């Protein structure tokens, strides 16, 4: 599946596609993970990237909140028809966890924060699809690039991909 193409105009009138970065993690997360997610969302917005998420609570909601509060775009690929209150747009899949494949297939890079088994499936699909995964306090498995903080994760996801 090819990512949804989103373009911006540059000064020379050429079109350039914005980076689409999926922020993934558990719907129930620790306070420190929530703070990381908000910071990641804010930094992605400042970098001009589009944040993609599963659109629900926890890491997903916190990252979207950070992006929206910074004037960015947050798109939720949700399991049903509803999502968190910090979404610019909702993709209503009505596919429950199967939406994870749509989310990962739509991004250029993944930032994983903490996570449970749903996060693990998203990481596995991204790695299998050769989409880079940058991790903060997440699954320690081959292929996940451990980052020292939010700034490094966003820099690698937006600039280095």
C-alpha atoms as a PDB file:
ATOM      1  CA  UNK A   1       0.000   0.000   0.000  1.00  0.00           C
ATOM      2  CA  UNK A   2       1.363   3.426  -0.925  1.00  0.00           C
ATOM      3  CA  UNK A   3       1.163   6.305   1.552  1.00  0.00           C
ATOM      4  CA  UNK A   4      -1.502   8.938   1.079  1.00  0.00           C
ATOM      5  CA  UNK A   5       0.235  11.793  -0.742  1.00  0.00           C
ATOM      6  CA  UNK A   6       0.102  15.204   0.929  1.00  0.00           C
ATOM      7  CA  UNK A   7       1.846  18.084  -0.775  1.00  0.00           C
ATOM      8  CA  UNK A   8       2.860  21.662   0.036  1.00  0.00           C
ATOM      9  CA  UNK A   9       3.806  24.538  -2.256  1.00  0.00           C
ATOM     10  CA  UNK A  10       7.353  25.825  -2.024  1.00  0.00           C
ATOM     11  CA  UNK A  11       8.580  29.251  -3.118  1.00  0.00           C
ATOM     12  CA  UNK A  12       9.477  28.028  -6.610  1.00  0.00           C
ATOM     13  CA  UNK A  13       5.936  26.636  -7.102  1.00  0.00           C
ATOM     14  CA  UNK A  14       7.115  23.013  -7.058  1.00  0.00           C
ATOM     15  CA  UNK A  15       5.180  20.535  -4.955  1.00  0.00           C
ATOM     16  CA  UNK A  16       6.894  18.816  -2.077  1.00  0.00           C
ATOM     17  CA  UNK A  17       5.225  16.121  -0.001  1.00  0.00           C
ATOM     18  CA  UNK A  18       5.228  16.576   3.778  1.00  0.00           C
ATOM     19  CA  UNK A  19       6.593  13.728   5.903  1.00  0.00           C
ATOM     20  CA  UNK A  20       3.934  11.553   7.493  1.00  0.00           C
ATOM     21  CA  UNK A  21       5.075  10.168  10.829  1.00  0.00           C
ATOM     22  CA  UNK A  22       3.079   7.616  12.819  1.00  0.00           C
ATOM     23  CA  UNK A  23       3.304   7.979  16.587  1.00  0.00           C
ATOM     24  CA  UNK A  24       2.378   4.690  18.210  1.00  0.00           C
ATOM     25  CA  UNK A  25       1.983   3.455  21.774  1.00  0.00           C
ATOM     26  CA  UNK A  26      -0.481   2.163  24.317  1.00  0.00           C
ATOM     27  CA  UNK A  27      -3.905   3.606  25.003  1.00  0.00           C
ATOM     28  CA  UNK A  28      -3.014   3.450  28.692  1.00  0.00           C
ATOM     29  CA  UNK A  29       0.420   4.926  29.332  1.00  0.00           C
ATOM     30  CA  UNK A  30       2.499   6.259  32.196  1.00  0.00           C
ATOM     31  CA  UNK A  31       2.692   9.983  32.926  1.00  0.00           C
ATOM     32  CA  UNK A  32       6.281  10.112  31.657  1.00  0.00           C
ATOM     33  CA  UNK A  33       5.233   8.425  28.388  1.00  0.00           C
ATOM     34  CA  UNK A  34       2.330  10.891  28.016  1.00  0.00           C
ATOM     35  CA  UNK A  35       4.752  13.819  28.409  1.00  0.00           C
ATOM     36  CA  UNK A  36       7.084  12.280  25.800  1.00  0.00           C
ATOM     37  CA  UNK A  37       4.163  11.851  23.394  1.00  0.00           C
ATOM     38  CA  UNK A  38       3.028  15.481  23.793  1.00  0.00           C
ATOM     39  CA  UNK A  39       6.571  16.692  23.152  1.00  0.00           C
ATOM     40  CA  UNK A  40       6.894  14.433  20.076  1.00  0.00           C
ATOM     41  CA  UNK A  41       3.621  15.805  18.673  1.00  0.00           C
ATOM     42  CA  UNK A  42       4.725  19.382  19.256  1.00  0.00           C
ATOM     43  CA  UNK A  43       8.120  18.805  17.629  1.00  0.00           C
ATOM     44  CA  UNK A  44       6.561  17.068  14.622  1.00  0.00           C
ATOM     45  CA  UNK A  45       4.235  20.048  14.103  1.00  0.00           C
ATOM     46  CA  UNK A  46       7.153  22.487  14.313  1.00  0.00           C
ATOM     47  CA  UNK A  47       9.039  20.366  11.777  1.00  0.00           C
ATOM     48  CA  UNK A  48       6.094  20.580   9.353  1.00  0.00           C
ATOM     49  CA  UNK A  49       5.327  16.858   9.474  1.00  0.00           C
ATOM     50  CA  UNK A  50       1.866  15.329   9.522  1.00  0.00           C
ATOM     51  CA  UNK A  51       1.225  13.185  12.581  1.00  0.00           C
ATOM     52  CA  UNK A  52      -0.634   9.930  12.014  1.00  0.00           C
ATOM     53  CA  UNK A  53      -1.966   7.879  14.920  1.00  0.00           C
ATOM     54  CA  UNK A  54      -4.467   5.237  15.895  1.00  0.00           C
ATOM     55  CA  UNK A  55      -6.595   8.173  17.014  1.00  0.00           C
ATOM     56  CA  UNK A  56      -7.612   6.919  20.435  1.00  0.00           C
ATOM     57  CA  UNK A  57      -6.343   7.674  23.986  1.00  0.00           C
ATOM     58  CA  UNK A  58      -3.029   7.445  25.815  1.00  0.00           C
ATOM     59  CA  UNK A  59       0.043   7.950  23.625  1.00  0.00           C
ATOM     60  CA  UNK A  60      -2.177   8.541  20.592  1.00  0.00           C
ATOM     61  CA  UNK A  61      -4.179  11.344  22.204  1.00  0.00           C
ATOM     62  CA  UNK A  62      -1.179  12.976  23.871  1.00  0.00           C
ATOM     63  CA  UNK A  63       0.842  13.129  20.646  1.00  0.00           C
ATOM     64  CA  UNK A  64      -2.134  14.552  18.745  1.00  0.00           C
ATOM     65  CA  UNK A  65      -2.683  17.136  21.475  1.00  0.00           C
ATOM     66  CA  UNK A  66       0.938  18.251  21.211  1.00  0.00           C
ATOM     67  CA  UNK A  67       0.676  18.586  17.434  1.00  0.00           C
ATOM     68  CA  UNK A  68      -2.649  20.454  17.428  1.00  0.00           C
ATOM     69  CA  UNK A  69      -1.583  22.852  20.191  1.00  0.00           C
ATOM     70  CA  UNK A  70       1.470  23.722  18.087  1.00  0.00           C
ATOM     71  CA  UNK A  71      -0.681  24.383  14.996  1.00  0.00           C
ATOM     72  CA  UNK A  72       0.081  21.069  13.295  1.00  0.00           C
ATOM     73  CA  UNK A  73      -2.001  18.376  11.629  1.00  0.00           C
ATOM     74  CA  UNK A  74      -3.006  15.158  13.409  1.00  0.00           C
ATOM     75  CA  UNK A  75      -4.837  12.430  11.516  1.00  0.00           C
ATOM     76  CA  UNK A  76      -6.444   9.540  13.373  1.00  0.00           C
ATOM     77  CA  UNK A  77      -6.916   6.171  11.707  1.00  0.00           C
ATOM     78  CA  UNK A  78      -9.501   4.925  14.179  1.00  0.00           C
ATOM     79  CA  UNK A  79     -10.899   1.439  14.882  1.00  0.00           C
ATOM     80  CA  UNK A  80     -14.518   2.556  14.608  1.00  0.00           C
ATOM     81  CA  UNK A  81     -16.085   5.955  13.963  1.00  0.00           C
ATOM     82  CA  UNK A  82     -14.878   8.074  16.906  1.00  0.00           C
ATOM     83  CA  UNK A  83     -11.486   9.377  17.958  1.00  0.00           C
ATOM     84  CA  UNK A  84      -9.797  11.612  20.481  1.00  0.00           C
ATOM     85  CA  UNK A  85     -10.649  15.355  20.562  1.00  0.00           C
ATOM     86  CA  UNK A  86      -7.279  16.433  19.092  1.00  0.00           C
ATOM     87  CA  UNK A  87      -7.683  15.167  15.528  1.00  0.00           C
ATOM     88  CA  UNK A  88      -7.640  17.331  12.404  1.00  0.00           C
ATOM     89  CA  UNK A  89      -9.240  14.478  10.481  1.00  0.00           C
ATOM     90  CA  UNK A  90     -10.570  11.007  11.266  1.00  0.00           C
ATOM     91  CA  UNK A  91     -10.237   7.998   8.971  1.00  0.00           C
ATOM     92  CA  UNK A  92     -13.142   5.766  10.090  1.00  0.00           C
ATOM     93  CA  UNK A  93     -11.938   2.239   9.327  1.00  0.00           C
ATOM     94  CA  UNK A  94     -14.391   0.208  11.417  1.00  0.00           C
ATOM     95  CA  UNK A  95     -11.617  -2.430  11.357  1.00  0.00           C
ATOM     96  CA  UNK A  96     -10.525  -2.547  15.034  1.00  0.00           C
ATOM     97  CA  UNK A  97      -6.852  -3.630  15.251  1.00  0.00           C
ATOM     98  CA  UNK A  98      -6.642  -4.322  11.515  1.00  0.00           C
ATOM     99  CA  UNK A  99      -6.386  -0.536  11.142  1.00  0.00           C
ATOM    100  CA  UNK A 100      -2.796  -0.863  12.355  1.00  0.00           C
ATOM    101  CA  UNK A 101      -1.776  -1.997   8.869  1.00  0.00           C
ATOM    102  CA  UNK A 102      -3.425   1.048   7.283  1.00  0.00           C
ATOM    103  CA  UNK A 103      -1.698   3.337   9.794  1.00  0.00           C
ATOM    104  CA  UNK A 104       1.760   1.896   9.210  1.00  0.00           C
ATOM    105  CA  UNK A 105       1.262   1.595   5.459  1.00  0.00           C
ATOM    106  CA  UNK A 106       0.443   5.318   5.333  1.00  0.00           C
ATOM    107  CA  UNK A 107       3.571   6.631   7.039  1.00  0.00           C
ATOM    108  CA  UNK A 108       7.160   7.427   6.108  1.00  0.00           C
ATOM    109  CA  UNK A 109       8.532   6.709   9.590  1.00  0.00           C
ATOM    110  CA  UNK A 110       7.323   5.484  12.984  1.00  0.00           C
ATOM    111  CA  UNK A 111       8.030   6.797  16.463  1.00  0.00           C
ATOM    112  CA  UNK A 112       7.136   4.214  19.122  1.00  0.00           C
ATOM    113  CA  UNK A 113       6.669   5.243  22.759  1.00  0.00           C
ATOM    114  CA  UNK A 114       6.220   2.460  25.302  1.00  0.00           C
ATOM    115  CA  UNK A 115       3.498   0.156  24.080  1.00  0.00           C
ATOM    116  CA  UNK A 116       1.779  -3.160  24.401  1.00  0.00           C
ATOM    117  CA  UNK A 117       1.031  -5.932  21.900  1.00  0.00           C
ATOM    118  CA  UNK A 118      -0.782  -3.641  19.458  1.00  0.00           C
ATOM    119  CA  UNK A 119       2.335  -1.462  19.343  1.00  0.00           C
ATOM    120  CA  UNK A 120       4.443  -4.568  18.806  1.00  0.00           C
ATOM    121  CA  UNK A 121       2.367  -5.580  15.764  1.00  0.00           C
ATOM    122  CA  UNK A 122       2.741  -2.071  14.331  1.00  0.00           C
ATOM    123  CA  UNK A 123       6.509  -2.183  14.882  1.00  0.00           C
ATOM    124  CA  UNK A 124       6.746  -5.618  13.251  1.00  0.00           C
ATOM    125  CA  UNK A 125       4.743  -4.530  10.208  1.00  0.00           C
ATOM    126  CA  UNK A 126       6.822  -1.347   9.830  1.00  0.00           C
ATOM    127  CA  UNK A 127      10.090  -3.287  10.012  1.00  0.00           C
ATOM    128  CA  UNK A 128       8.802  -5.908   7.569  1.00  0.00           C
ATOM    129  CA  UNK A 129       7.803  -3.038   5.237  1.00  0.00           C
ATOM    130  CA  UNK A 130      11.233  -1.387   5.618  1.00  0.00           C
ATOM    131  CA  UNK A 131       9.732   1.681   7.294  1.00  0.00           C
ATOM    132  CA  UNK A 132      12.141   3.042   9.922  1.00  0.00           C
ATOM    133  CA  UNK A 133      11.086   2.746  13.562  1.00  0.00           C
ATOM    134  CA  UNK A 134      12.502   5.109  16.195  1.00  0.00           C
ATOM    135  CA  UNK A 135      11.852   4.120  19.786  1.00  0.00           C
ATOM    136  CA  UNK A 136      11.565   5.780  23.178  1.00  0.00           C
ATOM    137  CA  UNK A 137      11.129   3.346  26.101  1.00  0.00           C
ATOM    138  CA  UNK A 138       9.610   0.762  23.781  1.00  0.00           C
ATOM    139  CA  UNK A 139      10.187  -2.814  22.654  1.00  0.00           C
ATOM    140  CA  UNK A 140      13.907  -3.660  22.553  1.00  0.00           C
ATOM    141  CA  UNK A 141      14.002  -5.717  19.374  1.00  0.00           C
ATOM    142  CA  UNK A 142      16.343  -5.749  16.364  1.00  0.00           C
ATOM    143  CA  UNK A 143      15.500  -3.012  13.881  1.00  0.00           C
ATOM    144  CA  UNK A 144      14.062  -0.510  16.357  1.00  0.00           C
ATOM    145  CA  UNK A 145      16.422   2.467  16.580  1.00  0.00           C
ATOM    146  CA  UNK A 146      16.582   3.536  20.223  1.00  0.00           C
ATOM    147  CA  UNK A 147      16.556   7.311  20.660  1.00  0.00           C
ATOM    148  CA  UNK A 148      17.837   9.330  23.596  1.00  0.00           C
ATOM    149  CA  UNK A 149      14.910  11.768  23.600  1.00  0.00           C
ATOM    150  CA  UNK A 150      12.061  13.339  21.633  1.00  0.00           C
ATOM    151  CA  UNK A 151      14.304  15.734  19.702  1.00  0.00           C
ATOM    152  CA  UNK A 152      16.471  12.925  18.369  1.00  0.00           C
ATOM    153  CA  UNK A 153      13.454  10.780  17.456  1.00  0.00           C
ATOM    154  CA  UNK A 154      11.772  13.608  15.500  1.00  0.00           C
ATOM    155  CA  UNK A 155      15.007  14.654  13.800  1.00  0.00           C
ATOM    156  CA  UNK A 156      15.635  11.097  12.655  1.00  0.00           C
ATOM    157  CA  UNK A 157      12.023  10.524  11.567  1.00  0.00           C
ATOM    158  CA  UNK A 158      11.629  13.781   9.657  1.00  0.00           C
ATOM    159  CA  UNK A 159      15.077  14.688   8.395  1.00  0.00           C
ATOM    160  CA  UNK A 160      16.912  11.373   8.137  1.00  0.00           C
ATOM    161  CA  UNK A 161      14.163   9.439   6.301  1.00  0.00           C
END
